Amino acid sequence: MTFDQLQDFVAHRMRMEHIYQPVMLMTLLQNKGEASITDLAKAILSRDESQIEYYSKITRDMVGRVLRKHGIVEKDGRAFRLVGFDAMTPDQVVQLFALCQGKLDQYLDDRGDKVFQHRRQSAGYISGTLRYDVLKKSSFHCELCGISADIKALEVDHIIPRNHGGSDDPSNLQALCYSCNAMKRDRDDQNLRAVRESYSHRETGCLFCEIPETRVVAENELAYVIFDGFPVTVHHCLVIPKRHIPDYFSLSSSELKACDDLLRRMKTRILDADPNVTGFNVGMNAGEDAGQTIFHCHMHLIPRRKGDVADPRGGVRHLIPGKGHY
């Protein structure tokens, strides 16, 4: 690679989706053309405002608050001041620094890799393809607060963590910014077992709780699909949460995500199997007066074909006779 070639690449051909390429090249140029992966990562980290924001919050709301409570530091605007520092001799400063270093070394020896485990994206390997699919499905926004990946780093989160039995199935993954992921983890550590147990609830005598496995045509961690026993059209299917729950409005956000995943999967499967399908109706009945007869939530995915009725305009409005056309 000559100077002219590199100059042309940087000036005209380098397509930037983030800061990474120029920062890496600048670091290599400053280090005589060679740098370790760790050094390159540190260079990128030094320019990551989202990480600075994260540790600023830790400093202000956690460690700073504890040291203030003990009278060790005091806060002055956007800065902290060590109480009594002006009265210390240089030798005393060196002694205190060495004492802190000793405490830090002992802590790291005791904890090892667990020290920053909470900042890792997941406990184990998530393939790049799967990670991309999760982020793409969220339109590269946090699924809890809605912030964009351009503003704050996103992480792939296990809705039910692996250490509580959660799988790497896409229905158990979501995109969260690092702040929401940390808050979710802190909150859910207290009751995750109860949440997981609630997903296992089945009702004796319920048709959909006791569906034969041979009828299941697709499933994920929290929901499954069967073809309707009395189909309105060919390939009419039902998406059903595994937990016994009365209606759509009682679903958790995780179950909504799982059902949506299966709706989209079955739509693709039906279109691949039948090129005559040109549309879909998606619907659910909530309550006896809305026509619900099986009180275990289920969603209808009904394929439609051109000409299957004389006038399809109005769609689901035809639930009330005479109200479909307006």
Protein backbone atom coordinates (compact mmCIF):
# COMPACT_ATOMS: atom_id res chain seq x y z
CA MET A 1 0.00 0.00 0.00
CA THR A 2 1.63 3.24 -1.15
CA PHE A 3 1.01 6.71 0.26
CA ASP A 4 -0.98 7.68 -2.84
CA GLN A 5 -3.15 4.56 -2.62
CA LEU A 6 -3.91 5.08 1.07
CA GLN A 7 -4.59 8.76 0.52
CA ASP A 8 -7.04 7.90 -2.26
CA PHE A 9 -8.79 5.30 -0.08
CA VAL A 10 -9.23 7.72 2.85
CA ALA A 11 -10.24 10.66 0.69
CA HIS A 12 -12.55 8.95 -1.78
CA ARG A 13 -13.33 5.29 -1.06
CA MET A 14 -13.61 4.94 2.70
CA ARG A 15 -17.33 4.50 3.43
CA MET A 16 -17.98 5.36 7.07
CA GLU A 17 -20.86 3.88 9.05
CA HIS A 18 -19.13 4.84 12.32
CA ILE A 19 -15.90 6.39 13.64
CA TYR A 20 -13.98 3.11 13.64
CA GLN A 21 -11.99 3.20 10.40
CA PRO A 22 -10.37 6.64 10.74
CA VAL A 23 -9.67 6.11 14.46
CA MET A 24 -7.95 2.80 13.71
CA LEU A 25 -5.86 4.32 10.93
CA MET A 26 -4.91 7.34 13.06
CA THR A 27 -3.79 5.05 15.89
CA LEU A 28 -1.68 2.97 13.51
CA LEU A 29 -0.11 6.11 12.05
CA GLN A 30 0.75 7.40 15.54
CA ASN A 31 2.34 4.06 16.52
CA LYS A 32 4.72 3.59 13.59
CA GLY A 33 2.22 1.52 11.63
CA GLU A 34 1.47 -1.16 14.23
CA ALA A 35 -0.79 -1.42 17.29
CA SER A 36 -2.31 -4.23 19.31
CA ILE A 37 -6.02 -4.97 19.20
CA THR A 38 -6.23 -3.79 22.82
CA ASP A 39 -4.59 -0.46 21.98
CA LEU A 40 -6.90 0.01 19.00
CA ALA A 41 -9.93 -0.78 21.17
CA LYS A 42 -8.75 1.77 23.76
CA ALA A 43 -8.42 4.40 21.05
CA ILE A 44 -12.01 3.80 19.92
CA LEU A 45 -13.24 3.72 23.53
CA SER A 46 -11.62 7.11 24.24
CA ARG A 47 -13.94 8.65 21.62
CA ASP A 48 -17.10 6.81 22.65
CA GLU A 49 -19.29 9.39 24.37
CA SER A 50 -21.82 6.75 25.37
CA GLN A 51 -19.22 4.97 27.51
CA ILE A 52 -18.14 8.26 29.09
CA GLU A 53 -21.81 8.93 29.87
CA TYR A 54 -22.16 5.48 31.45
CA TYR A 55 -19.16 5.88 33.77
CA SER A 56 -20.07 9.50 34.54
CA LYS A 57 -23.35 8.18 35.91
CA ILE A 58 -21.48 5.51 37.93
CA THR A 59 -19.17 8.20 39.31
CA ARG A 60 -21.95 10.63 40.21
CA ASP A 61 -24.67 8.31 41.49
CA MET A 62 -22.76 5.38 42.97
CA VAL A 63 -19.13 5.70 44.00
CA GLY A 64 -19.30 9.49 44.45
CA ARG A 65 -22.42 9.19 46.60
CA VAL A 66 -20.82 6.54 48.85
CA LEU A 67 -17.63 8.55 49.37
CA ARG A 68 -19.64 11.72 50.04
CA LYS A 69 -21.69 9.87 52.65
CA HIS A 70 -18.46 8.98 54.49
CA GLY A 71 -17.14 12.56 54.21
CA ILE A 72 -14.22 11.52 51.99
CA VAL A 73 -15.11 13.72 49.02
CA GLU A 74 -17.36 16.69 48.37
CA LYS A 75 -19.10 17.66 45.14
CA ASP A 76 -18.49 21.05 43.56
CA GLY A 77 -20.64 21.53 40.48
CA ARG A 78 -19.48 18.90 37.97
CA ALA A 79 -16.31 18.03 39.92
CA PHE A 80 -15.38 16.12 43.06
CA ARG A 81 -12.81 17.31 45.61
CA LEU A 82 -10.89 15.10 48.06
CA VAL A 83 -11.53 16.55 51.51
CA GLY A 84 -8.28 17.50 53.30
CA PHE A 85 -6.01 17.00 50.30
CA ASP A 86 -4.41 20.45 50.65
CA ALA A 87 -3.13 19.55 54.13
CA MET A 88 -1.42 16.32 53.01
CA THR A 89 2.31 16.05 52.43
CA PRO A 90 3.65 14.56 49.17
CA ASP A 91 4.78 11.49 51.12
CA GLN A 92 1.29 11.00 52.57
CA VAL A 93 -0.22 11.23 49.07
CA VAL A 94 2.19 8.51 47.86
CA GLN A 95 1.34 6.29 50.85
CA LEU A 96 -2.42 6.63 50.30
CA PHE A 97 -2.05 5.96 46.58
CA ALA A 98 -0.05 2.79 47.32
CA LEU A 99 -2.68 1.68 49.86
CA CYS A 100 -5.46 2.14 47.28
CA GLN A 101 -3.40 0.26 44.69
CA GLY A 102 -2.98 -2.62 47.13
CA LYS A 103 -6.74 -2.79 47.77
CA LEU A 104 -7.38 -2.71 44.01
CA ASP A 105 -4.85 -5.47 43.30
CA GLN A 106 -6.32 -7.68 46.03
CA TYR A 107 -9.85 -7.17 44.70
CA LEU A 108 -8.80 -8.05 41.15
CA ASP A 109 -6.97 -11.15 42.39
CA ASP A 110 -10.09 -12.28 44.25
CA ARG A 111 -12.62 -11.55 41.48
CA GLY A 112 -10.67 -12.12 38.29
CA ASP A 113 -12.74 -11.80 35.10
CA LYS A 114 -15.97 -11.30 37.08
CA VAL A 115 -15.16 -7.64 37.84
CA PHE A 116 -16.71 -6.29 34.63
CA GLN A 117 -18.96 -9.22 33.80
CA HIS A 118 -22.01 -6.92 34.02
CA ARG A 119 -20.68 -4.85 31.09
CA ARG A 120 -20.36 -7.79 28.73
CA GLN A 121 -23.09 -8.13 26.12
CA SER A 122 -24.01 -11.70 27.00
CA ALA A 123 -22.70 -14.69 28.90
CA GLY A 124 -21.43 -16.65 25.91
CA TYR A 125 -21.12 -16.36 22.17
CA ILE A 126 -23.82 -14.75 20.03
CA SER A 127 -23.01 -15.03 16.34
CA GLY A 128 -22.57 -11.85 14.35
CA THR A 129 -25.42 -12.86 12.05
CA LEU A 130 -27.84 -13.42 14.95
CA ARG A 131 -26.75 -10.17 16.62
CA TYR A 132 -27.33 -8.27 13.37
CA ASP A 133 -30.78 -9.86 12.94
CA VAL A 134 -31.80 -8.81 16.48
CA LEU A 135 -30.60 -5.23 15.99
CA LYS A 136 -32.14 -5.02 12.52
CA LYS A 137 -35.50 -6.23 13.82
CA SER A 138 -35.45 -3.41 16.38
CA SER A 139 -34.54 -0.93 13.59
CA PHE A 140 -31.30 -0.32 15.52
CA HIS A 141 -33.17 1.27 18.42
CA CYS A 142 -33.41 0.21 22.07
CA GLU A 143 -36.62 -1.79 22.50
CA LEU A 144 -37.21 -0.28 25.95
CA CYS A 145 -36.40 3.45 25.73
CA GLY A 146 -36.27 3.82 21.93
CA ILE A 147 -32.86 5.49 21.72
CA SER A 148 -30.93 5.03 18.47
CA ALA A 149 -27.72 3.01 18.17
CA ASP A 150 -26.13 6.17 16.76
CA ILE A 151 -26.55 7.83 20.16
CA LYS A 152 -26.00 4.97 22.61
CA ALA A 153 -24.42 1.54 22.16
CA LEU A 154 -26.90 -1.33 21.85
CA GLU A 155 -26.48 -4.77 23.39
CA VAL A 156 -28.18 -8.08 22.62
CA ASP A 157 -30.03 -9.02 25.79
CA HIS A 158 -31.47 -12.39 26.81
CA ILE A 159 -35.05 -11.72 27.99
CA ILE A 160 -34.73 -14.79 30.19
CA PRO A 161 -30.99 -14.98 30.98
CA ARG A 162 -29.02 -18.08 30.10
CA ASN A 163 -28.23 -18.75 33.76
CA HIS A 164 -31.99 -18.94 34.41
CA GLY A 165 -32.60 -21.33 31.52
CA GLY A 166 -33.09 -18.86 28.67
CA SER A 167 -32.05 -19.95 25.20
CA ASP A 168 -30.47 -18.23 22.20
CA ASP A 169 -33.74 -18.54 20.26
CA PRO A 170 -34.44 -15.18 18.54
CA SER A 171 -37.71 -14.89 20.48
CA ASN A 172 -35.63 -14.70 23.69
CA LEU A 173 -33.36 -11.92 22.40
CA GLN A 174 -33.93 -8.18 22.30
CA ALA A 175 -31.92 -5.05 21.57
CA LEU A 176 -31.35 -2.82 24.60
CA CYS A 177 -29.08 0.14 25.12
CA TYR A 178 -26.47 -0.42 27.83
CA SER A 179 -28.41 1.72 30.34
CA CYS A 180 -31.71 -0.15 29.93
CA ASN A 181 -29.91 -3.49 29.94
CA ALA A 182 -28.23 -2.64 33.24
CA MET A 183 -31.51 -1.43 34.78
CA LYS A 184 -33.41 -4.49 33.54
CA ARG A 185 -30.81 -6.84 34.95
CA ASP A 186 -30.79 -5.15 38.34
CA ARG A 187 -34.58 -5.27 38.56
CA ASP A 188 -35.17 -8.76 37.18
CA ASP A 189 -32.56 -10.44 39.37
CA GLN A 190 -35.11 -10.28 42.18
CA ASN A 191 -38.03 -12.03 40.50
CA LEU A 192 -36.85 -13.68 37.29
CA ARG A 193 -37.53 -17.18 38.59
CA ALA A 194 -41.15 -16.25 39.27
CA VAL A 195 -41.48 -14.71 35.81
CA ARG A 196 -40.05 -17.80 34.18
CA GLU A 197 -42.35 -20.06 36.20
CA SER A 198 -45.36 -18.00 35.09
CA TYR A 199 -44.51 -18.78 31.44
CA SER A 200 -44.87 -22.48 32.29
CA HIS A 201 -48.48 -22.14 33.52
CA ARG A 202 -50.88 -24.56 31.80
CA GLU A 203 -54.60 -25.07 32.49
CA THR A 204 -56.00 -28.58 32.79
CA GLY A 205 -58.75 -29.14 30.25
CA CYS A 206 -57.72 -26.20 28.04
CA LEU A 207 -57.62 -27.18 24.36
CA PHE A 208 -54.57 -25.07 23.61
CA CYS A 209 -52.70 -26.04 26.79
CA GLU A 210 -53.04 -29.71 25.86
CA ILE A 211 -52.53 -29.51 22.10
CA PRO A 212 -50.80 -32.66 20.70
CA GLU A 213 -47.21 -32.02 19.65
CA THR A 214 -47.98 -33.57 16.27
CA ARG A 215 -50.17 -30.55 15.42
CA VAL A 216 -47.43 -27.99 16.12
CA VAL A 217 -45.92 -26.71 12.86
CA ALA A 218 -43.62 -24.03 14.30
CA GLU A 219 -42.64 -22.77 17.73
CA ASN A 220 -40.21 -20.70 19.74
CA GLU A 221 -39.58 -20.36 23.45
CA LEU A 222 -42.91 -18.77 24.39
CA ALA A 223 -45.39 -19.57 21.60
CA TYR A 224 -46.33 -22.12 18.96
CA VAL A 225 -48.31 -22.41 15.70
CA ILE A 226 -50.96 -24.87 14.52
CA PHE A 227 -53.14 -24.92 11.43
CA ASP A 228 -56.74 -24.05 12.29
CA GLY A 229 -59.00 -27.09 12.66
CA PHE A 230 -61.80 -25.26 10.83
CA PRO A 231 -59.86 -23.06 8.38
CA VAL A 232 -61.42 -20.01 6.75
CA THR A 233 -58.92 -20.31 3.87
CA VAL A 234 -56.15 -22.75 2.96
CA HIS A 235 -53.14 -22.37 5.32
CA HIS A 236 -55.22 -20.51 7.93
CA CYS A 237 -53.15 -20.90 11.11
CA LEU A 238 -53.19 -19.92 14.78
CA VAL A 239 -50.32 -18.41 16.76
CA ILE A 240 -50.75 -19.35 20.42
CA PRO A 241 -48.75 -18.37 23.54
CA LYS A 242 -47.68 -21.44 25.52
CA ARG A 243 -48.72 -19.86 28.81
CA HIS A 244 -52.41 -20.16 29.63
CA ILE A 245 -53.61 -16.59 29.41
CA PRO A 246 -57.09 -15.33 28.45
CA ASP A 247 -56.51 -12.77 25.70
CA TYR A 248 -54.16 -10.56 23.71
CA PHE A 249 -54.24 -7.74 26.25
CA SER A 250 -52.83 -10.00 28.97
CA LEU A 251 -49.68 -10.91 27.04
CA SER A 252 -46.30 -9.79 28.34
CA SER A 253 -43.97 -7.83 26.06
CA SER A 254 -41.84 -10.96 25.71
CA GLU A 255 -44.85 -13.02 24.59
CA LEU A 256 -45.92 -10.30 22.17
CA LYS A 257 -42.45 -10.43 20.65
CA ALA A 258 -42.55 -14.24 20.46
CA CYS A 259 -45.97 -14.24 18.78
CA ASP A 260 -44.93 -11.54 16.33
CA ASP A 261 -41.86 -13.57 15.43
CA LEU A 262 -44.05 -16.57 14.56
CA LEU A 263 -46.59 -14.47 12.64
CA ARG A 264 -43.82 -13.15 10.43
CA ARG A 265 -42.22 -16.57 10.07
CA MET A 266 -45.49 -18.19 9.03
CA LYS A 267 -46.27 -15.37 6.61
CA THR A 268 -42.99 -16.09 4.79
CA ARG A 269 -43.61 -19.84 4.90
CA ILE A 270 -47.11 -19.49 3.44
CA LEU A 271 -45.96 -17.14 0.68
CA ASP A 272 -43.20 -19.58 -0.25
CA ALA A 273 -45.69 -22.47 -0.35
CA ASP A 274 -48.50 -20.70 -2.20
CA PRO A 275 -47.74 -17.95 -4.75
CA ASN A 276 -51.47 -17.26 -5.11
CA VAL A 277 -51.58 -15.65 -1.64
CA THR A 278 -51.74 -11.87 -2.10
CA GLY A 279 -52.73 -10.65 1.36
CA PHE A 280 -53.40 -11.57 4.99
CA ASN A 281 -55.87 -10.88 7.76
CA VAL A 282 -54.43 -10.95 11.25
CA GLY A 283 -56.86 -10.91 14.14
CA MET A 284 -57.75 -12.06 17.63
CA ASN A 285 -60.95 -12.24 19.64
CA ALA A 286 -60.85 -10.83 23.17
CA GLY A 287 -63.92 -11.62 25.24
CA GLU A 288 -67.12 -13.59 24.73
CA ASP A 289 -68.96 -10.62 23.21
CA ALA A 290 -66.17 -10.27 20.65
CA GLY A 291 -66.71 -13.88 19.57
CA GLN A 292 -64.04 -15.62 21.66
CA THR A 293 -64.94 -19.25 22.35
CA ILE A 294 -61.61 -20.68 23.56
CA PHE A 295 -60.35 -18.55 26.43
CA HIS A 296 -56.69 -19.13 25.80
CA CYS A 297 -55.23 -16.28 23.74
CA HIS A 298 -54.69 -17.10 20.07
CA MET A 299 -54.06 -15.06 16.94
CA HIS A 300 -55.46 -15.90 13.51
CA LEU A 301 -53.26 -15.57 10.44
CA ILE A 302 -55.61 -15.91 7.45
CA PRO A 303 -54.11 -15.95 3.94
CA ARG A 304 -56.12 -14.11 1.30
CA ARG A 305 -56.17 -14.55 -2.46
CA LYS A 306 -57.35 -12.25 -5.20
CA GLY A 307 -61.04 -12.94 -5.88
CA ASP A 308 -61.67 -15.13 -2.79
CA VAL A 309 -64.64 -12.83 -2.04
CA ALA A 310 -66.51 -10.51 -4.38
CA ASP A 311 -65.49 -7.31 -2.59
CA PRO A 312 -62.76 -7.55 0.08
CA ARG A 313 -62.84 -3.84 0.96
CA GLY A 314 -63.36 -3.26 4.67
CA GLY A 315 -61.58 -6.44 5.77
CA VAL A 316 -62.12 -7.05 9.48
CA ARG A 317 -64.89 -4.41 9.56
CA HIS A 318 -67.20 -7.14 8.24
CA LEU A 319 -67.26 -8.58 11.78
CA ILE A 320 -70.35 -6.39 12.22
CA PRO A 321 -72.82 -7.11 9.37
CA GLY A 322 -73.32 -4.12 7.12
CA LYS A 323 -70.38 -2.14 8.52
CA GLY A 324 -67.69 -3.37 6.13
CA HIS A 325 -68.41 -0.85 3.39
CA TYR A 326 -68.50 2.87 4.02
